[in-house]
């Protein structure tokens, strides 16, 4: 069975707008509320495999990035993984995870790629 998961934060206006456009649940996509459900380590590891790094999945826009003093630190891949698992806001959103593809963030190209994978 094909994997289709969408990781989102329902309070994120950008995510809501993208989900209103793509309607992932209508295309057999499991929607994961990262605040309520968290991010499973195996899902994050699969995202990393497809994205190439944990850093590619990490949001520097998260308010905690500055408040935790992370902007001044040199972070490793292990740090990025640990931070995303500890604090859901560090996941760049939304993330669409498919068998052979991950679409990360709200950039036009990422949203278009997710749309093509969802709708076919």
PDB file of N, CA and C in Angstrom:
ATOM      1  N   UNK A   1       0.836  -1.195   0.000  1.00  0.00           N
ATOM      2  CA  UNK A   1       0.000   0.000   0.000  1.00  0.00           C
ATOM      3  C   UNK A   1       0.879   1.257   0.000  1.00  0.00           C
ATOM      4  N   UNK A   2       0.478   2.187  -0.797  1.00  0.00           N
ATOM      5  CA  UNK A   2       1.243   3.419  -0.943  1.00  0.00           C
ATOM      6  C   UNK A   2       1.133   4.290   0.305  1.00  0.00           C
ATOM      7  N   UNK A   3       2.272   4.874   0.709  1.00  0.00           N
ATOM      8  CA  UNK A   3       2.252   5.780   1.852  1.00  0.00           C
ATOM      9  C   UNK A   3       1.971   7.196   1.382  1.00  0.00           C
ATOM     10  N   UNK A   4       0.988   7.805   2.041  1.00  0.00           N
ATOM     11  CA  UNK A   4       0.689   9.213   1.807  1.00  0.00           C
ATOM     12  C   UNK A   4       0.394   9.824   3.169  1.00  0.00           C
ATOM     13  N   UNK A   5       1.286  10.691   3.617  1.00  0.00           N
ATOM     14  CA  UNK A   5       1.079  11.371   4.892  1.00  0.00           C
ATOM     15  C   UNK A   5       1.337  12.857   4.709  1.00  0.00           C
ATOM     16  N   UNK A   6       0.528  13.650   5.387  1.00  0.00           N
ATOM     17  CA  UNK A   6       0.710  15.090   5.367  1.00  0.00           C
ATOM     18  C   UNK A   6       0.859  15.561   6.806  1.00  0.00           C
ATOM     19  N   UNK A   7       1.963  16.232   7.098  1.00  0.00           N
ATOM     20  CA  UNK A   7       2.246  16.714   8.446  1.00  0.00           C
ATOM     21  C   UNK A   7       1.966  18.208   8.484  1.00  0.00           C
ATOM     22  N   UNK A   8       1.110  18.613   9.417  1.00  0.00           N
ATOM     23  CA  UNK A   8       0.666  19.996   9.445  1.00  0.00           C
ATOM     24  C   UNK A   8       0.436  20.476  10.859  1.00  0.00           C
ATOM     25  N   UNK A   9       0.254  21.764  10.969  1.00  0.00           N
ATOM     26  CA  UNK A   9      -0.124  22.397  12.217  1.00  0.00           C
ATOM     27  C   UNK A   9      -1.420  23.151  11.919  1.00  0.00           C
ATOM     28  N   UNK A  10      -2.548  22.703  12.477  1.00  0.00           N
ATOM     29  CA  UNK A  10      -3.840  23.319  12.144  1.00  0.00           C
ATOM     30  C   UNK A  10      -3.923  24.817  12.435  1.00  0.00           C
ATOM     31  N   UNK A  11      -3.064  25.330  13.307  1.00  0.00           N
ATOM     32  CA  UNK A  11      -3.087  26.762  13.614  1.00  0.00           C
ATOM     33  C   UNK A  11      -2.223  27.578  12.655  1.00  0.00           C
ATOM     34  N   UNK A  12      -1.524  26.899  11.765  1.00  0.00           N
ATOM     35  CA  UNK A  12      -0.648  27.577  10.795  1.00  0.00           C
ATOM     36  C   UNK A  12      -1.490  28.008   9.589  1.00  0.00           C
ATOM     37  N   UNK A  13      -1.608  29.315   9.401  1.00  0.00           N
ATOM     38  CA  UNK A  13      -2.447  29.848   8.312  1.00  0.00           C
ATOM     39  C   UNK A  13      -1.968  29.370   6.937  1.00  0.00           C
ATOM     40  N   UNK A  14      -0.664  29.298   6.762  1.00  0.00           N
ATOM     41  CA  UNK A  14      -0.110  28.855   5.479  1.00  0.00           C
ATOM     42  C   UNK A  14      -0.496  27.404   5.212  1.00  0.00           C
ATOM     43  N   UNK A  15      -0.377  26.548   6.243  1.00  0.00           N
ATOM     44  CA  UNK A  15      -0.757  25.135   6.093  1.00  0.00           C
ATOM     45  C   UNK A  15      -2.237  25.013   5.733  1.00  0.00           C
ATOM     46  N   UNK A  16      -3.076  25.771   6.431  1.00  0.00           N
ATOM     47  CA  UNK A  16      -4.523  25.725   6.185  1.00  0.00           C
ATOM     48  C   UNK A  16      -4.823  26.093   4.739  1.00  0.00           C
ATOM     49  N   UNK A  17      -4.171  27.138   4.249  1.00  0.00           N
ATOM     50  CA  UNK A  17      -4.381  27.589   2.868  1.00  0.00           C
ATOM     51  C   UNK A  17      -3.981  26.493   1.869  1.00  0.00           C
ATOM     52  N   UNK A  18      -2.833  25.876   2.110  1.00  0.00           N
ATOM     53  CA  UNK A  18      -2.350  24.816   1.217  1.00  0.00           C
ATOM     54  C   UNK A  18      -3.282  23.604   1.268  1.00  0.00           C
ATOM     55  N   UNK A  19      -3.733  23.234   2.467  1.00  0.00           N
ATOM     56  CA  UNK A  19      -4.637  22.085   2.625  1.00  0.00           C
ATOM     57  C   UNK A  19      -5.998  22.365   1.994  1.00  0.00           C
ATOM     58  N   UNK A  20      -6.452  23.615   2.062  1.00  0.00           N
ATOM     59  CA  UNK A  20      -7.714  23.978   1.408  1.00  0.00           C
ATOM     60  C   UNK A  20      -7.604  23.790  -0.096  1.00  0.00           C
ATOM     61  N   UNK A  21      -6.421  24.076  -0.630  1.00  0.00           N
ATOM     62  CA  UNK A  21      -6.197  23.923  -2.073  1.00  0.00           C
ATOM     63  C   UNK A  21      -6.027  22.449  -2.460  1.00  0.00           C
ATOM     64  N   UNK A  22      -5.199  21.711  -1.722  1.00  0.00           N
ATOM     65  CA  UNK A  22      -4.850  20.341  -2.114  1.00  0.00           C
ATOM     66  C   UNK A  22      -5.822  19.275  -1.605  1.00  0.00           C
ATOM     67  N   UNK A  23      -6.516  19.561  -0.500  1.00  0.00           N
ATOM     68  CA  UNK A  23      -7.443  18.610   0.116  1.00  0.00           C
ATOM     69  C   UNK A  23      -6.844  17.201   0.217  1.00  0.00           C
ATOM     70  N   UNK A  24      -5.720  17.065   0.934  1.00  0.00           N
ATOM     71  CA  UNK A  24      -5.016  15.775   0.970  1.00  0.00           C
ATOM     72  C   UNK A  24      -5.866  14.612   1.474  1.00  0.00           C
ATOM     73  N   UNK A  25      -6.761  14.871   2.440  1.00  0.00           N
ATOM     74  CA  UNK A  25      -7.574  13.779   2.987  1.00  0.00           C
ATOM     75  C   UNK A  25      -8.521  13.193   1.929  1.00  0.00           C
ATOM     76  N   UNK A  26      -8.859  13.970   0.922  1.00  0.00           N
ATOM     77  CA  UNK A  26      -9.717  13.468  -0.160  1.00  0.00           C
ATOM     78  C   UNK A  26      -8.951  12.584  -1.138  1.00  0.00           C
ATOM     79  N   UNK A  27      -7.636  12.559  -0.998  1.00  0.00           N
ATOM     80  CA  UNK A  27      -6.797  11.754  -1.896  1.00  0.00           C
ATOM     81  C   UNK A  27      -6.122  10.620  -1.137  1.00  0.00           C
ATOM     82  N   UNK A  28      -6.770  10.179  -0.060  1.00  0.00           N
ATOM     83  CA  UNK A  28      -6.262   9.031   0.695  1.00  0.00           C
ATOM     84  C   UNK A  28      -5.020   9.324   1.511  1.00  0.00           C
ATOM     85  N   UNK A  29      -4.836  10.563   1.850  1.00  0.00           N
ATOM     86  CA  UNK A  29      -3.647  10.978   2.589  1.00  0.00           C
ATOM     87  C   UNK A  29      -3.975  11.052   4.084  1.00  0.00           C
ATOM     88  N   UNK A  30      -3.131  10.428   4.897  1.00  0.00           N
ATOM     89  CA  UNK A  30      -3.277  10.511   6.355  1.00  0.00           C
ATOM     90  C   UNK A  30      -2.735  11.873   6.805  1.00  0.00           C
ATOM     91  N   UNK A  31      -3.564  12.637   7.502  1.00  0.00           N
ATOM     92  CA  UNK A  31      -3.148  13.955   7.969  1.00  0.00           C
ATOM     93  C   UNK A  31      -2.691  13.848   9.428  1.00  0.00           C
ATOM     94  N   UNK A  32      -1.477  14.326   9.695  1.00  0.00           N
ATOM     95  CA  UNK A  32      -0.896  14.250  11.032  1.00  0.00           C
ATOM     96  C   UNK A  32      -0.789  15.660  11.614  1.00  0.00           C
ATOM     97  N   UNK A  33      -1.494  15.886  12.710  1.00  0.00           N
ATOM     98  CA  UNK A  33      -1.410  17.151  13.447  1.00  0.00           C
ATOM     99  C   UNK A  33      -0.168  17.031  14.335  1.00  0.00           C
ATOM    100  N   UNK A  34       0.899  17.730  13.969  1.00  0.00           N
ATOM    101  CA  UNK A  34       2.173  17.535  14.668  1.00  0.00           C
ATOM    102  C   UNK A  34       2.153  18.054  16.101  1.00  0.00           C
ATOM    103  N   UNK A  35       1.247  18.968  16.399  1.00  0.00           N
ATOM    104  CA  UNK A  35       1.158  19.450  17.788  1.00  0.00           C
ATOM    105  C   UNK A  35       0.450  18.403  18.659  1.00  0.00           C
ATOM    106  N   UNK A  36      -0.651  17.877  18.155  1.00  0.00           N
ATOM    107  CA  UNK A  36      -1.439  16.906  18.924  1.00  0.00           C
ATOM    108  C   UNK A  36      -0.803  15.519  18.944  1.00  0.00           C
ATOM    109  N   UNK A  37      -0.260  15.101  17.806  1.00  0.00           N
ATOM    110  CA  UNK A  37       0.228  13.726  17.668  1.00  0.00           C
ATOM    111  C   UNK A  37       1.742  13.587  17.737  1.00  0.00           C
ATOM    112  N   UNK A  38       2.450  14.685  17.531  1.00  0.00           N
ATOM    113  CA  UNK A  38       3.904  14.613  17.483  1.00  0.00           C
ATOM    114  C   UNK A  38       4.377  14.048  16.149  1.00  0.00           C
ATOM    115  N   UNK A  39       5.675  13.855  16.051  1.00  0.00           N
ATOM    116  CA  UNK A  39       6.287  13.338  14.824  1.00  0.00           C
ATOM    117  C   UNK A  39       6.967  12.018  15.185  1.00  0.00           C
ATOM    118  N   UNK A  40       6.563  10.948  14.544  1.00  0.00           N
ATOM    119  CA  UNK A  40       7.157   9.632  14.823  1.00  0.00           C
ATOM    120  C   UNK A  40       8.603   9.638  14.320  1.00  0.00           C
ATOM    121  N   UNK A  41       9.541   9.133  15.136  1.00  0.00           N
ATOM    122  CA  UNK A  41      10.949   9.105  14.701  1.00  0.00           C
ATOM    123  C   UNK A  41      11.138   8.412  13.350  1.00  0.00           C
ATOM    124  N   UNK A  42      10.379   7.326  13.103  1.00  0.00           N
ATOM    125  CA  UNK A  42      10.545   6.622  11.824  1.00  0.00           C
ATOM    126  C   UNK A  42      10.044   7.466  10.651  1.00  0.00           C
ATOM    127  N   UNK A  43       9.008   8.284  10.864  1.00  0.00           N
ATOM    128  CA  UNK A  43       8.553   9.196   9.799  1.00  0.00           C
ATOM    129  C   UNK A  43       9.606  10.263   9.525  1.00  0.00           C
ATOM    130  N   UNK A  44      10.172  10.814  10.604  1.00  0.00           N
ATOM    131  CA  UNK A  44      11.202  11.837  10.441  1.00  0.00           C
ATOM    132  C   UNK A  44      12.423  11.257   9.724  1.00  0.00           C
ATOM    133  N   UNK A  45      12.816  10.031  10.095  1.00  0.00           N
ATOM    134  CA  UNK A  45      13.973   9.400   9.451  1.00  0.00           C
ATOM    135  C   UNK A  45      13.718   9.154   7.970  1.00  0.00           C
ATOM    136  N   UNK A  46      12.491   8.786   7.622  1.00  0.00           N
ATOM    137  CA  UNK A  46      12.142   8.581   6.203  1.00  0.00           C
ATOM    138  C   UNK A  46      12.149   9.913   5.455  1.00  0.00           C
ATOM    139  N   UNK A  47      11.643  10.959   6.088  1.00  0.00           N
ATOM    140  CA  UNK A  47      11.684  12.298   5.467  1.00  0.00           C
ATOM    141  C   UNK A  47      13.134  12.674   5.166  1.00  0.00           C
ATOM    142  N   UNK A  48      14.022  12.412   6.147  1.00  0.00           N
ATOM    143  CA  UNK A  48      15.440  12.753   5.987  1.00  0.00           C
ATOM    144  C   UNK A  48      16.062  11.975   4.832  1.00  0.00           C
ATOM    145  N   UNK A  49      15.728  10.673   4.744  1.00  0.00           N
ATOM    146  CA  UNK A  49      16.261   9.862   3.639  1.00  0.00           C
ATOM    147  C   UNK A  49      15.927  10.492   2.297  1.00  0.00           C
ATOM    148  N   UNK A  50      14.681  10.939   2.165  1.00  0.00           N
ATOM    149  CA  UNK A  50      14.219  11.494   0.893  1.00  0.00           C
ATOM    150  C   UNK A  50      14.666  12.939   0.679  1.00  0.00           C
ATOM    151  N   UNK A  51      14.779  13.693   1.767  1.00  0.00           N
ATOM    152  CA  UNK A  51      15.159  15.110   1.651  1.00  0.00           C
ATOM    153  C   UNK A  51      16.674  15.296   1.609  1.00  0.00           C
ATOM    154  N   UNK A  52      17.409  14.298   2.111  1.00  0.00           N
ATOM    155  CA  UNK A  52      18.863  14.389   2.078  1.00  0.00           C
ATOM    156  C   UNK A  52      19.498  14.793   3.400  1.00  0.00           C
ATOM    157  N   UNK A  53      18.738  15.471   4.254  1.00  0.00           N
ATOM    158  CA  UNK A  53      19.290  15.873   5.554  1.00  0.00           C
ATOM    159  C   UNK A  53      18.162  16.268   6.494  1.00  0.00           C
ATOM    160  N   UNK A  54      18.462  16.240   7.784  1.00  0.00           N
ATOM    161  CA  UNK A  54      17.498  16.756   8.768  1.00  0.00           C
ATOM    162  C   UNK A  54      17.441  18.277   8.673  1.00  0.00           C
ATOM    163  N   UNK A  55      18.555  18.873   8.323  1.00  0.00           N
ATOM    164  CA  UNK A  55      18.597  20.332   8.199  1.00  0.00           C
ATOM    165  C   UNK A  55      17.584  20.825   7.166  1.00  0.00           C
ATOM    166  N   UNK A  56      17.389  20.066   6.087  1.00  0.00           N
ATOM    167  CA  UNK A  56      16.429  20.449   5.046  1.00  0.00           C
ATOM    168  C   UNK A  56      14.994  20.463   5.581  1.00  0.00           C
ATOM    169  N   UNK A  57      14.756  19.757   6.682  1.00  0.00           N
ATOM    170  CA  UNK A  57      13.417  19.665   7.276  1.00  0.00           C
ATOM    171  C   UNK A  57      13.223  20.665   8.416  1.00  0.00           C
ATOM    172  N   UNK A  58      14.292  21.380   8.752  1.00  0.00           N
ATOM    173  CA  UNK A  58      14.309  22.219   9.944  1.00  0.00           C
ATOM    174  C   UNK A  58      13.895  23.648   9.629  1.00  0.00           C
ATOM    175  N   UNK A  59      12.996  24.186  10.434  1.00  0.00           N
ATOM    176  CA  UNK A  59      12.531  25.557  10.237  1.00  0.00           C
ATOM    177  C   UNK A  59      13.295  26.518  11.134  1.00  0.00           C
ATOM    178  N   UNK A  60      14.017  27.412  10.509  1.00  0.00           N
ATOM    179  CA  UNK A  60      14.713  28.462  11.270  1.00  0.00           C
ATOM    180  C   UNK A  60      13.773  29.611  11.597  1.00  0.00           C
ATOM    181  N   UNK A  61      12.556  29.561  11.078  1.00  0.00           N
ATOM    182  CA  UNK A  61      11.570  30.613  11.355  1.00  0.00           C
ATOM    183  C   UNK A  61      10.870  30.405  12.689  1.00  0.00           C
ATOM    184  N   UNK A  62      10.993  29.210  13.250  1.00  0.00           N
ATOM    185  CA  UNK A  62      10.329  28.913  14.527  1.00  0.00           C
ATOM    186  C   UNK A  62      10.806  29.911  15.586  1.00  0.00           C
ATOM    187  N   UNK A  63       9.850  30.437  16.357  1.00  0.00           N
ATOM    188  CA  UNK A  63      10.191  31.432  17.380  1.00  0.00           C
ATOM    189  C   UNK A  63      11.236  30.904  18.361  1.00  0.00           C
ATOM    190  N   UNK A  64      11.164  29.620  18.667  1.00  0.00           N
ATOM    191  CA  UNK A  64      12.102  29.044  19.640  1.00  0.00           C
ATOM    192  C   UNK A  64      13.529  28.981  19.110  1.00  0.00           C
ATOM    193  N   UNK A  65      13.703  29.105  17.784  1.00  0.00           N
ATOM    194  CA  UNK A  65      15.047  29.040  17.203  1.00  0.00           C
ATOM    195  C   UNK A  65      15.921  30.135  17.801  1.00  0.00           C
ATOM    196  N   UNK A  66      15.394  31.342  17.871  1.00  0.00           N
ATOM    197  CA  UNK A  66      16.155  32.454  18.448  1.00  0.00           C
ATOM    198  C   UNK A  66      16.133  32.404  19.977  1.00  0.00           C
ATOM    199  N   UNK A  67      14.949  32.160  20.550  1.00  0.00           N
ATOM    200  CA  UNK A  67      14.835  32.210  22.018  1.00  0.00           C
ATOM    201  C   UNK A  67      15.704  31.154  22.702  1.00  0.00           C
ATOM    202  N   UNK A  68      15.961  30.043  22.018  1.00  0.00           N
ATOM    203  CA  UNK A  68      16.817  28.998  22.593  1.00  0.00           C
ATOM    204  C   UNK A  68      18.305  29.242  22.285  1.00  0.00           C
ATOM    205  N   UNK A  69      18.588  30.341  21.564  1.00  0.00           N
ATOM    206  CA  UNK A  69      19.973  30.671  21.244  1.00  0.00           C
ATOM    207  C   UNK A  69      20.578  29.787  20.164  1.00  0.00           C
ATOM    208  N   UNK A  70      19.723  29.111  19.388  1.00  0.00           N
ATOM    209  CA  UNK A  70      20.229  28.167  18.378  1.00  0.00           C
ATOM    210  C   UNK A  70      20.883  28.869  17.188  1.00  0.00           C
ATOM    211  N   UNK A  71      20.468  30.110  16.943  1.00  0.00           N
ATOM    212  CA  UNK A  71      21.015  30.855  15.809  1.00  0.00           C
ATOM    213  C   UNK A  71      22.526  31.043  15.950  1.00  0.00           C
ATOM    214  N   UNK A  72      23.001  31.043  17.201  1.00  0.00           N
ATOM    215  CA  UNK A  72      24.423  31.272  17.460  1.00  0.00           C
ATOM    216  C   UNK A  72      25.226  29.976  17.551  1.00  0.00           C
ATOM    217  N   UNK A  73      24.552  28.849  17.410  1.00  0.00           N
ATOM    218  CA  UNK A  73      25.239  27.561  17.547  1.00  0.00           C
ATOM    219  C   UNK A  73      25.455  26.918  16.183  1.00  0.00           C
ATOM    220  N   UNK A  74      26.463  26.066  16.134  1.00  0.00           N
ATOM    221  CA  UNK A  74      26.685  25.299  14.925  1.00  0.00           C
ATOM    222  C   UNK A  74      26.043  23.930  15.177  1.00  0.00           C
ATOM    223  N   UNK A  75      24.947  23.660  14.498  1.00  0.00           N
ATOM    224  CA  UNK A  75      24.152  22.459  14.754  1.00  0.00           C
ATOM    225  C   UNK A  75      24.556  21.307  13.836  1.00  0.00           C
ATOM    226  N   UNK A  76      24.553  20.105  14.380  1.00  0.00           N
ATOM    227  CA  UNK A  76      24.852  18.901  13.607  1.00  0.00           C
ATOM    228  C   UNK A  76      23.538  18.266  13.146  1.00  0.00           C
ATOM    229  N   UNK A  77      23.644  17.277  12.277  1.00  0.00           N
ATOM    230  CA  UNK A  77      22.454  16.530  11.846  1.00  0.00           C
ATOM    231  C   UNK A  77      21.743  15.906  13.051  1.00  0.00           C
ATOM    232  N   UNK A  78      22.524  15.377  14.003  1.00  0.00           N
ATOM    233  CA  UNK A  78      21.933  14.782  15.218  1.00  0.00           C
ATOM    234  C   UNK A  78      21.163  15.833  16.010  1.00  0.00           C
ATOM    235  N   UNK A  79      21.691  17.067  16.051  1.00  0.00           N
ATOM    236  CA  UNK A  79      20.999  18.161  16.750  1.00  0.00           C
ATOM    237  C   UNK A  79      19.669  18.476  16.064  1.00  0.00           C
ATOM    238  N   UNK A  80      19.707  18.586  14.734  1.00  0.00           N
ATOM    239  CA  UNK A  80      18.471  18.895  13.992  1.00  0.00           C
ATOM    240  C   UNK A  80      17.410  17.819  14.254  1.00  0.00           C
ATOM    241  N   UNK A  81      17.811  16.557  14.212  1.00  0.00           N
ATOM    242  CA  UNK A  81      16.864  15.451  14.433  1.00  0.00           C
ATOM    243  C   UNK A  81      16.266  15.538  15.834  1.00  0.00           C
ATOM    244  N   UNK A  82      17.131  15.687  16.838  1.00  0.00           N
ATOM    245  CA  UNK A  82      16.678  15.760  18.232  1.00  0.00           C
ATOM    246  C   UNK A  82      15.740  16.950  18.445  1.00  0.00           C
ATOM    247  N   UNK A  83      16.095  18.101  17.904  1.00  0.00           N
ATOM    248  CA  UNK A  83      15.280  19.307  18.082  1.00  0.00           C
ATOM    249  C   UNK A  83      13.897  19.159  17.450  1.00  0.00           C
ATOM    250  N   UNK A  84      13.842  18.587  16.246  1.00  0.00           N
ATOM    251  CA  UNK A  84      12.545  18.401  15.581  1.00  0.00           C
ATOM    252  C   UNK A  84      11.674  17.436  16.384  1.00  0.00           C
ATOM    253  N   UNK A  85      12.265  16.368  16.891  1.00  0.00           N
ATOM    254  CA  UNK A  85      11.489  15.399  17.676  1.00  0.00           C
ATOM    255  C   UNK A  85      11.049  15.976  19.024  1.00  0.00           C
ATOM    256  N   UNK A  86      11.860  16.853  19.607  1.00  0.00           N
ATOM    257  CA  UNK A  86      11.521  17.454  20.906  1.00  0.00           C
ATOM    258  C   UNK A  86      10.510  18.582  20.767  1.00  0.00           C
ATOM    259  N   UNK A  87      10.584  19.316  19.678  1.00  0.00           N
ATOM    260  CA  UNK A  87       9.778  20.529  19.529  1.00  0.00           C
ATOM    261  C   UNK A  87       9.187  20.575  18.112  1.00  0.00           C
ATOM    262  N   UNK A  88       7.902  20.248  18.017  1.00  0.00           N
ATOM    263  CA  UNK A  88       7.237  20.143  16.705  1.00  0.00           C
ATOM    264  C   UNK A  88       7.366  21.395  15.848  1.00  0.00           C
ATOM    265  N   UNK A  89       7.489  22.575  16.464  1.00  0.00           N
ATOM    266  CA  UNK A  89       7.536  23.806  15.656  1.00  0.00           C
ATOM    267  C   UNK A  89       8.794  23.893  14.799  1.00  0.00           C
ATOM    268  N   UNK A  90       9.797  23.034  15.082  1.00  0.00           N
ATOM    269  CA  UNK A  90      11.016  23.063  14.282  1.00  0.00           C
ATOM    270  C   UNK A  90      10.870  22.317  12.950  1.00  0.00           C
ATOM    271  N   UNK A  91       9.761  21.613  12.748  1.00  0.00           N
ATOM    272  CA  UNK A  91       9.554  20.959  11.452  1.00  0.00           C
ATOM    273  C   UNK A  91       9.047  21.995  10.459  1.00  0.00           C
ATOM    274  N   UNK A  92       9.746  22.125   9.347  1.00  0.00           N
ATOM    275  CA  UNK A  92       9.314  23.043   8.290  1.00  0.00           C
ATOM    276  C   UNK A  92       8.003  22.502   7.739  1.00  0.00           C
ATOM    277  N   UNK A  93       6.987  23.333   7.661  1.00  0.00           N
ATOM    278  CA  UNK A  93       5.655  22.844   7.308  1.00  0.00           C
ATOM    279  C   UNK A  93       5.116  23.491   6.036  1.00  0.00           C
ATOM    280  N   UNK A  94       4.135  22.793   5.450  1.00  0.00           N
ATOM    281  CA  UNK A  94       3.737  21.416   5.707  1.00  0.00           C
ATOM    282  C   UNK A  94       4.734  20.436   5.084  1.00  0.00           C
ATOM    283  N   UNK A  95       4.639  19.171   5.491  1.00  0.00           N
ATOM    284  CA  UNK A  95       5.448  18.120   4.872  1.00  0.00           C
ATOM    285  C   UNK A  95       4.500  17.073   4.310  1.00  0.00           C
ATOM    286  N   UNK A  96       4.684  16.753   3.051  1.00  0.00           N
ATOM    287  CA  UNK A  96       3.933  15.666   2.407  1.00  0.00           C
ATOM    288  C   UNK A  96       4.921  14.533   2.187  1.00  0.00           C
ATOM    289  N   UNK A  97       4.642  13.386   2.776  1.00  0.00           N
ATOM    290  CA  UNK A  97       5.539  12.242   2.702  1.00  0.00           C
ATOM    291  C   UNK A  97       4.884  11.132   1.888  1.00  0.00           C
ATOM    292  N   UNK A  98       5.534  10.768   0.792  1.00  0.00           N
ATOM    293  CA  UNK A  98       5.059   9.703  -0.077  1.00  0.00           C
ATOM    294  C   UNK A  98       6.115   8.599  -0.095  1.00  0.00           C
ATOM    295  N   UNK A  99       5.819   7.484  -0.745  1.00  0.00           N
ATOM    296  CA  UNK A  99       6.762   6.362  -0.782  1.00  0.00           C
ATOM    297  C   UNK A  99       8.154   6.789  -1.240  1.00  0.00           C
ATOM    298  N   UNK A 100       8.222   7.533  -2.316  1.00  0.00           N
ATOM    299  CA  UNK A 100       9.524   7.856  -2.909  1.00  0.00           C
ATOM    300  C   UNK A 100       9.792   9.345  -2.993  1.00  0.00           C
ATOM    301  N   UNK A 101       9.027  10.148  -2.270  1.00  0.00           N
ATOM    302  CA  UNK A 101       9.179  11.595  -2.400  1.00  0.00           C
ATOM    303  C   UNK A 101       8.734  12.278  -1.116  1.00  0.00           C
ATOM    304  N   UNK A 102       9.406  13.377  -0.802  1.00  0.00           N
ATOM    305  CA  UNK A 102       8.970  14.225   0.300  1.00  0.00           C
ATOM    306  C   UNK A 102       8.907  15.659  -0.242  1.00  0.00           C
ATOM    307  N   UNK A 103       7.833  16.360   0.120  1.00  0.00           N
ATOM    308  CA  UNK A 103       7.662  17.754  -0.286  1.00  0.00           C
ATOM    309  C   UNK A 103       7.622  18.566   1.004  1.00  0.00           C
ATOM    310  N   UNK A 104       8.582  19.459   1.161  1.00  0.00           N
ATOM    311  CA  UNK A 104       8.764  20.154   2.431  1.00  0.00           C
ATOM    312  C   UNK A 104       8.561  21.650   2.259  1.00  0.00           C
ATOM    313  N   UNK A 105       7.709  22.215   3.118  1.00  0.00           N
ATOM    314  CA  UNK A 105       7.545  23.660   3.160  1.00  0.00           C
ATOM    315  C   UNK A 105       6.468  24.181   2.235  1.00  0.00           C
ATOM    316  N   UNK A 106       6.376  25.506   2.221  1.00  0.00           N
ATOM    317  CA  UNK A 106       5.270  26.166   1.520  1.00  0.00           C
ATOM    318  C   UNK A 106       5.695  26.847   0.223  1.00  0.00           C
ATOM    319  N   UNK A 107       6.925  26.621  -0.211  1.00  0.00           N
ATOM    320  CA  UNK A 107       7.375  27.212  -1.477  1.00  0.00           C
ATOM    321  C   UNK A 107       6.527  26.658  -2.626  1.00  0.00           C
ATOM    322  N   UNK A 108       6.313  27.478  -3.633  1.00  0.00           N
ATOM    323  CA  UNK A 108       5.463  27.086  -4.771  1.00  0.00           C
ATOM    324  C   UNK A 108       5.839  25.734  -5.364  1.00  0.00           C
ATOM    325  N   UNK A 109       7.132  25.506  -5.544  1.00  0.00           N
ATOM    326  CA  UNK A 109       7.593  24.258  -6.167  1.00  0.00           C
ATOM    327  C   UNK A 109       7.250  23.049  -5.296  1.00  0.00           C
ATOM    328  N   UNK A 110       7.391  23.188  -3.988  1.00  0.00           N
ATOM    329  CA  UNK A 110       7.089  22.083  -3.073  1.00  0.00           C
ATOM    330  C   UNK A 110       5.593  21.776  -3.081  1.00  0.00           C
ATOM    331  N   UNK A 111       4.784  22.820  -3.076  1.00  0.00           N
ATOM    332  CA  UNK A 111       3.327  22.638  -3.078  1.00  0.00           C
ATOM    333  C   UNK A 111       2.878  22.017  -4.401  1.00  0.00           C
ATOM    334  N   UNK A 112       3.468  22.461  -5.502  1.00  0.00           N
ATOM    335  CA  UNK A 112       3.130  21.918  -6.815  1.00  0.00           C
ATOM    336  C   UNK A 112       3.516  20.440  -6.900  1.00  0.00           C
ATOM    337  N   UNK A 113       4.681  20.085  -6.371  1.00  0.00           N
ATOM    338  CA  UNK A 113       5.130  18.686  -6.379  1.00  0.00           C
ATOM    339  C   UNK A 113       4.185  17.825  -5.533  1.00  0.00           C
ATOM    340  N   UNK A 114       3.762  18.342  -4.386  1.00  0.00           N
ATOM    341  CA  UNK A 114       2.822  17.609  -3.534  1.00  0.00           C
ATOM    342  C   UNK A 114       1.505  17.415  -4.252  1.00  0.00           C
ATOM    343  N   UNK A 115       1.061  18.439  -4.931  1.00  0.00           N
ATOM    344  CA  UNK A 115      -0.208  18.387  -5.676  1.00  0.00           C
ATOM    345  C   UNK A 115      -0.136  17.303  -6.745  1.00  0.00           C
ATOM    346  N   UNK A 116       0.960  17.243  -7.490  1.00  0.00           N
ATOM    347  CA  UNK A 116       1.120  16.256  -8.547  1.00  0.00           C
ATOM    348  C   UNK A 116       1.160  14.844  -7.971  1.00  0.00           C
ATOM    349  N   UNK A 117       1.819  14.677  -6.838  1.00  0.00           N
ATOM    350  CA  UNK A 117       1.888  13.339  -6.222  1.00  0.00           C
ATOM    351  C   UNK A 117       0.546  12.910  -5.630  1.00  0.00           C
ATOM    352  N   UNK A 118      -0.197  13.859  -5.106  1.00  0.00           N
ATOM    353  CA  UNK A 118      -1.505  13.541  -4.519  1.00  0.00           C
ATOM    354  C   UNK A 118      -2.545  13.207  -5.581  1.00  0.00           C
ATOM    355  N   UNK A 119      -2.595  14.063  -6.582  1.00  0.00           N
ATOM    356  CA  UNK A 119      -3.676  13.980  -7.564  1.00  0.00           C
ATOM    357  C   UNK A 119      -3.278  13.100  -8.746  1.00  0.00           C
ATOM    358  N   UNK A 120      -1.966  13.025  -8.997  1.00  0.00           N
ATOM    359  CA  UNK A 120      -1.474  12.159 -10.064  1.00  0.00           C
ATOM    360  C   UNK A 120      -1.434  12.812 -11.402  1.00  0.00           C
TER     361      UNK A 120
END
